[in-house]
């Protein structure tokens, strides 16, 4: 089963008695701020949850599956996530 942003918004709205539209706005703003910070090269550390970082994956030589020719694959930035201790323990249970 997949938990979507809509599911999160609905659960928070139910538990807090806030309107879904307000919860959705706060959740979306949170995601937007995380994305903006990562785009600026900042790390995001959410205590007891985990750390998001942007790292650069080195370029390499790949292969075109149709022709078999070697193709250079350039460096690219990727987002990594390292879960926090409490999250690891909760998921392990």
N, C-alpha and C. Protein backbone atom coordinates (compact mmCIF):
# COMPACT_ATOMS: atom_id res chain seq x y z
N UNK A 1 0.85 -1.19 0.00
CA UNK A 1 0.00 0.00 0.00
C UNK A 1 0.89 1.24 0.00
N UNK A 2 0.48 2.24 -0.71
CA UNK A 2 1.22 3.49 -0.80
C UNK A 2 0.46 4.58 -0.05
N UNK A 3 1.18 5.34 0.73
CA UNK A 3 0.61 6.49 1.43
C UNK A 3 0.89 7.73 0.60
N UNK A 4 -0.15 8.43 0.18
CA UNK A 4 0.03 9.62 -0.66
C UNK A 4 -0.03 10.88 0.19
N UNK A 5 0.32 12.00 -0.47
CA UNK A 5 0.23 13.29 0.22
C UNK A 5 -1.21 13.56 0.65
N UNK A 6 -2.15 13.18 -0.17
CA UNK A 6 -3.57 13.37 0.17
C UNK A 6 -3.93 12.59 1.43
N UNK A 7 -3.43 11.36 1.54
CA UNK A 7 -3.68 10.54 2.74
C UNK A 7 -3.11 11.21 3.99
N UNK A 8 -1.92 11.74 3.86
CA UNK A 8 -1.28 12.43 4.99
C UNK A 8 -2.11 13.64 5.41
N UNK A 9 -2.52 14.42 4.43
CA UNK A 9 -3.34 15.61 4.70
C UNK A 9 -4.63 15.22 5.40
N UNK A 10 -5.30 14.18 4.90
CA UNK A 10 -6.56 13.76 5.50
C UNK A 10 -6.38 13.28 6.95
N UNK A 11 -5.32 12.52 7.20
CA UNK A 11 -5.08 12.02 8.56
C UNK A 11 -4.78 13.16 9.52
N UNK A 12 -3.95 14.11 9.10
CA UNK A 12 -3.62 15.26 9.95
C UNK A 12 -4.87 16.09 10.21
N UNK A 13 -5.67 16.31 9.17
CA UNK A 13 -6.91 17.08 9.32
C UNK A 13 -7.85 16.41 10.31
N UNK A 14 -7.98 15.11 10.23
CA UNK A 14 -8.86 14.38 11.15
C UNK A 14 -8.36 14.48 12.59
N UNK A 15 -7.05 14.32 12.78
CA UNK A 15 -6.49 14.31 14.14
C UNK A 15 -6.43 15.69 14.77
N UNK A 16 -6.40 16.74 13.96
CA UNK A 16 -6.26 18.10 14.51
C UNK A 16 -7.53 18.93 14.40
N UNK A 17 -8.52 18.42 13.69
CA UNK A 17 -9.77 19.15 13.43
C UNK A 17 -9.53 20.43 12.62
N UNK A 18 -8.44 20.47 11.88
CA UNK A 18 -8.19 21.59 10.97
C UNK A 18 -8.79 21.25 9.61
N UNK A 19 -9.06 22.28 8.82
CA UNK A 19 -9.61 22.05 7.49
C UNK A 19 -8.52 21.47 6.60
N UNK A 20 -8.94 20.54 5.73
CA UNK A 20 -7.98 19.88 4.84
C UNK A 20 -7.24 20.89 3.97
N UNK A 21 -7.91 21.94 3.53
CA UNK A 21 -7.26 22.92 2.66
C UNK A 21 -6.09 23.61 3.36
N UNK A 22 -6.25 23.86 4.67
CA UNK A 22 -5.17 24.51 5.43
C UNK A 22 -4.01 23.54 5.66
N UNK A 23 -4.36 22.32 5.99
CA UNK A 23 -3.32 21.30 6.20
C UNK A 23 -2.55 21.06 4.90
N UNK A 24 -3.28 20.97 3.79
CA UNK A 24 -2.65 20.74 2.49
C UNK A 24 -1.66 21.86 2.17
N UNK A 25 -2.05 23.09 2.47
CA UNK A 25 -1.20 24.24 2.19
C UNK A 25 0.10 24.16 3.02
N UNK A 26 -0.01 23.80 4.30
CA UNK A 26 1.17 23.70 5.16
C UNK A 26 2.07 22.55 4.72
N UNK A 27 1.47 21.41 4.40
CA UNK A 27 2.27 20.26 3.95
C UNK A 27 3.00 20.62 2.65
N UNK A 28 2.30 21.23 1.71
CA UNK A 28 2.93 21.59 0.44
C UNK A 28 4.03 22.62 0.64
N UNK A 29 3.80 23.60 1.52
CA UNK A 29 4.83 24.61 1.80
C UNK A 29 6.06 23.95 2.41
N UNK A 30 5.86 22.95 3.27
CA UNK A 30 6.97 22.23 3.87
C UNK A 30 7.79 21.54 2.79
N UNK A 31 7.12 20.84 1.90
CA UNK A 31 7.83 20.16 0.80
C UNK A 31 8.56 21.16 -0.09
N UNK A 32 7.91 22.29 -0.38
CA UNK A 32 8.52 23.31 -1.23
C UNK A 32 9.80 23.87 -0.59
N UNK A 33 9.77 24.09 0.72
CA UNK A 33 10.94 24.62 1.43
C UNK A 33 12.08 23.60 1.43
N UNK A 34 11.74 22.32 1.59
CA UNK A 34 12.76 21.28 1.54
C UNK A 34 13.41 21.23 0.17
N UNK A 35 12.59 21.26 -0.87
CA UNK A 35 13.10 21.21 -2.24
C UNK A 35 13.97 22.43 -2.53
N UNK A 36 13.53 23.62 -2.11
CA UNK A 36 14.30 24.85 -2.35
C UNK A 36 15.66 24.79 -1.65
N UNK A 37 15.67 24.30 -0.42
CA UNK A 37 16.93 24.20 0.33
C UNK A 37 17.88 23.21 -0.34
N UNK A 38 17.37 22.07 -0.77
CA UNK A 38 18.20 21.09 -1.46
C UNK A 38 18.74 21.66 -2.77
N UNK A 39 17.90 22.42 -3.47
CA UNK A 39 18.31 23.06 -4.71
C UNK A 39 19.44 24.07 -4.48
N UNK A 40 19.45 24.69 -3.30
CA UNK A 40 20.50 25.65 -2.94
C UNK A 40 21.75 24.96 -2.39
N UNK A 41 21.74 23.62 -2.35
CA UNK A 41 22.89 22.88 -1.89
C UNK A 41 22.94 22.67 -0.38
N UNK A 42 21.86 22.97 0.32
CA UNK A 42 21.82 22.79 1.77
C UNK A 42 21.38 21.36 2.11
N UNK A 43 21.84 20.89 3.27
CA UNK A 43 21.35 19.61 3.80
C UNK A 43 20.12 19.89 4.64
N UNK A 44 19.21 18.94 4.70
CA UNK A 44 18.02 19.07 5.53
C UNK A 44 18.11 18.02 6.61
N UNK A 45 18.17 18.46 7.86
CA UNK A 45 18.22 17.53 8.98
C UNK A 45 16.95 17.67 9.80
N UNK A 46 16.16 16.62 9.81
CA UNK A 46 14.94 16.58 10.59
C UNK A 46 15.18 15.61 11.74
N UNK A 47 15.38 16.15 12.93
CA UNK A 47 15.73 15.33 14.09
C UNK A 47 14.76 14.16 14.25
N UNK A 48 15.31 13.02 14.56
CA UNK A 48 14.57 11.78 14.78
C UNK A 48 13.90 11.23 13.52
N UNK A 49 14.03 11.94 12.40
CA UNK A 49 13.45 11.47 11.14
C UNK A 49 14.55 11.05 10.19
N UNK A 50 15.43 12.00 9.82
CA UNK A 50 16.52 11.67 8.93
C UNK A 50 17.14 12.90 8.30
N UNK A 51 18.09 12.65 7.40
CA UNK A 51 18.84 13.73 6.75
C UNK A 51 18.75 13.55 5.23
N UNK A 52 18.37 14.63 4.56
CA UNK A 52 18.39 14.68 3.10
C UNK A 52 19.64 15.43 2.68
N UNK A 53 20.36 14.90 1.69
CA UNK A 53 21.55 15.56 1.17
C UNK A 53 21.54 15.48 -0.35
N UNK A 54 22.18 16.46 -0.98
CA UNK A 54 22.39 16.40 -2.42
C UNK A 54 23.84 16.03 -2.63
N UNK A 55 24.06 15.01 -3.44
CA UNK A 55 25.43 14.65 -3.75
C UNK A 55 25.56 14.51 -5.26
N UNK A 56 26.79 14.57 -5.72
CA UNK A 56 27.04 14.47 -7.15
C UNK A 56 27.48 13.05 -7.48
N UNK A 57 26.76 12.44 -8.39
CA UNK A 57 27.13 11.10 -8.86
C UNK A 57 28.12 11.29 -10.01
N UNK A 58 29.26 10.63 -9.92
CA UNK A 58 30.30 10.77 -10.94
C UNK A 58 29.81 10.30 -12.30
N UNK A 59 30.33 10.95 -13.31
CA UNK A 59 30.04 10.52 -14.67
C UNK A 59 30.74 9.21 -14.96
N UNK A 60 30.29 8.53 -16.00
CA UNK A 60 30.89 7.24 -16.35
C UNK A 60 30.63 6.97 -17.82
N UNK A 61 31.20 5.89 -18.28
CA UNK A 61 30.93 5.48 -19.65
C UNK A 61 29.80 4.46 -19.64
N UNK A 62 28.78 4.74 -20.45
CA UNK A 62 27.66 3.82 -20.57
C UNK A 62 27.68 3.19 -21.95
N UNK A 63 26.62 2.44 -22.26
CA UNK A 63 26.56 1.77 -23.54
C UNK A 63 25.16 1.95 -24.12
N UNK A 64 25.09 2.32 -25.38
CA UNK A 64 23.82 2.41 -26.09
C UNK A 64 23.35 0.99 -26.36
N UNK A 65 22.19 0.59 -25.82
CA UNK A 65 21.76 -0.80 -25.99
C UNK A 65 21.44 -1.19 -27.43
N UNK A 66 21.10 -0.24 -28.26
CA UNK A 66 20.77 -0.55 -29.66
C UNK A 66 22.03 -0.81 -30.48
N UNK A 67 23.00 0.12 -30.33
CA UNK A 67 24.17 0.05 -31.21
C UNK A 67 25.37 -0.59 -30.53
N UNK A 68 25.38 -0.61 -29.21
CA UNK A 68 26.53 -1.15 -28.50
C UNK A 68 27.65 -0.13 -28.35
N UNK A 69 27.47 1.07 -28.92
CA UNK A 69 28.50 2.11 -28.82
C UNK A 69 28.60 2.62 -27.39
N UNK A 70 29.82 3.00 -27.01
CA UNK A 70 30.01 3.59 -25.70
C UNK A 70 29.55 5.05 -25.74
N UNK A 71 28.89 5.47 -24.66
CA UNK A 71 28.36 6.82 -24.56
C UNK A 71 28.77 7.40 -23.22
N UNK A 72 29.33 8.62 -23.21
CA UNK A 72 29.69 9.22 -21.92
C UNK A 72 28.43 9.69 -21.18
N UNK A 73 28.35 9.34 -19.90
CA UNK A 73 27.24 9.78 -19.06
C UNK A 73 27.81 10.83 -18.11
N UNK A 74 27.29 12.06 -18.17
CA UNK A 74 27.86 13.15 -17.37
C UNK A 74 27.53 13.02 -15.87
N UNK A 75 28.25 13.80 -15.06
CA UNK A 75 27.94 13.88 -13.63
C UNK A 75 26.50 14.34 -13.48
N UNK A 76 25.87 13.92 -12.37
CA UNK A 76 24.54 14.44 -12.10
C UNK A 76 24.32 14.48 -10.59
N UNK A 77 23.44 15.39 -10.19
CA UNK A 77 23.13 15.55 -8.77
C UNK A 77 21.95 14.66 -8.42
N UNK A 78 22.07 14.00 -7.25
CA UNK A 78 20.99 13.14 -6.76
C UNK A 78 20.74 13.45 -5.30
N UNK A 79 19.50 13.24 -4.87
CA UNK A 79 19.15 13.44 -3.47
C UNK A 79 19.26 12.10 -2.75
N UNK A 80 19.93 12.11 -1.60
CA UNK A 80 20.03 10.91 -0.79
C UNK A 80 19.33 11.15 0.54
N UNK A 81 18.89 10.07 1.16
CA UNK A 81 18.22 10.15 2.45
C UNK A 81 18.81 9.13 3.38
N UNK A 82 19.17 9.58 4.57
CA UNK A 82 19.67 8.67 5.61
C UNK A 82 18.71 8.76 6.78
N UNK A 83 18.02 7.67 7.10
CA UNK A 83 17.04 7.72 8.19
C UNK A 83 17.70 7.93 9.54
N UNK A 84 16.97 8.62 10.42
CA UNK A 84 17.43 8.85 11.78
C UNK A 84 17.26 7.60 12.63
N UNK A 85 17.87 7.62 13.80
CA UNK A 85 17.86 6.46 14.69
C UNK A 85 16.45 6.04 15.09
N UNK A 86 15.63 7.01 15.48
CA UNK A 86 14.26 6.68 15.92
C UNK A 86 13.46 6.07 14.77
N UNK A 87 13.64 6.61 13.57
CA UNK A 87 12.92 6.06 12.42
C UNK A 87 13.38 4.62 12.18
N UNK A 88 14.68 4.38 12.23
CA UNK A 88 15.19 3.02 12.03
C UNK A 88 14.58 2.05 13.04
N UNK A 89 14.53 2.47 14.30
CA UNK A 89 13.99 1.61 15.34
C UNK A 89 12.50 1.35 15.15
N UNK A 90 11.74 2.39 14.79
CA UNK A 90 10.29 2.23 14.60
C UNK A 90 9.99 1.31 13.43
N UNK A 91 10.75 1.45 12.33
CA UNK A 91 10.52 0.63 11.14
C UNK A 91 10.91 -0.81 11.43
N UNK A 92 11.93 -1.00 12.24
CA UNK A 92 12.41 -2.34 12.58
C UNK A 92 11.37 -3.14 13.37
N UNK A 93 10.54 -2.45 14.16
CA UNK A 93 9.55 -3.14 15.02
C UNK A 93 8.51 -3.88 14.22
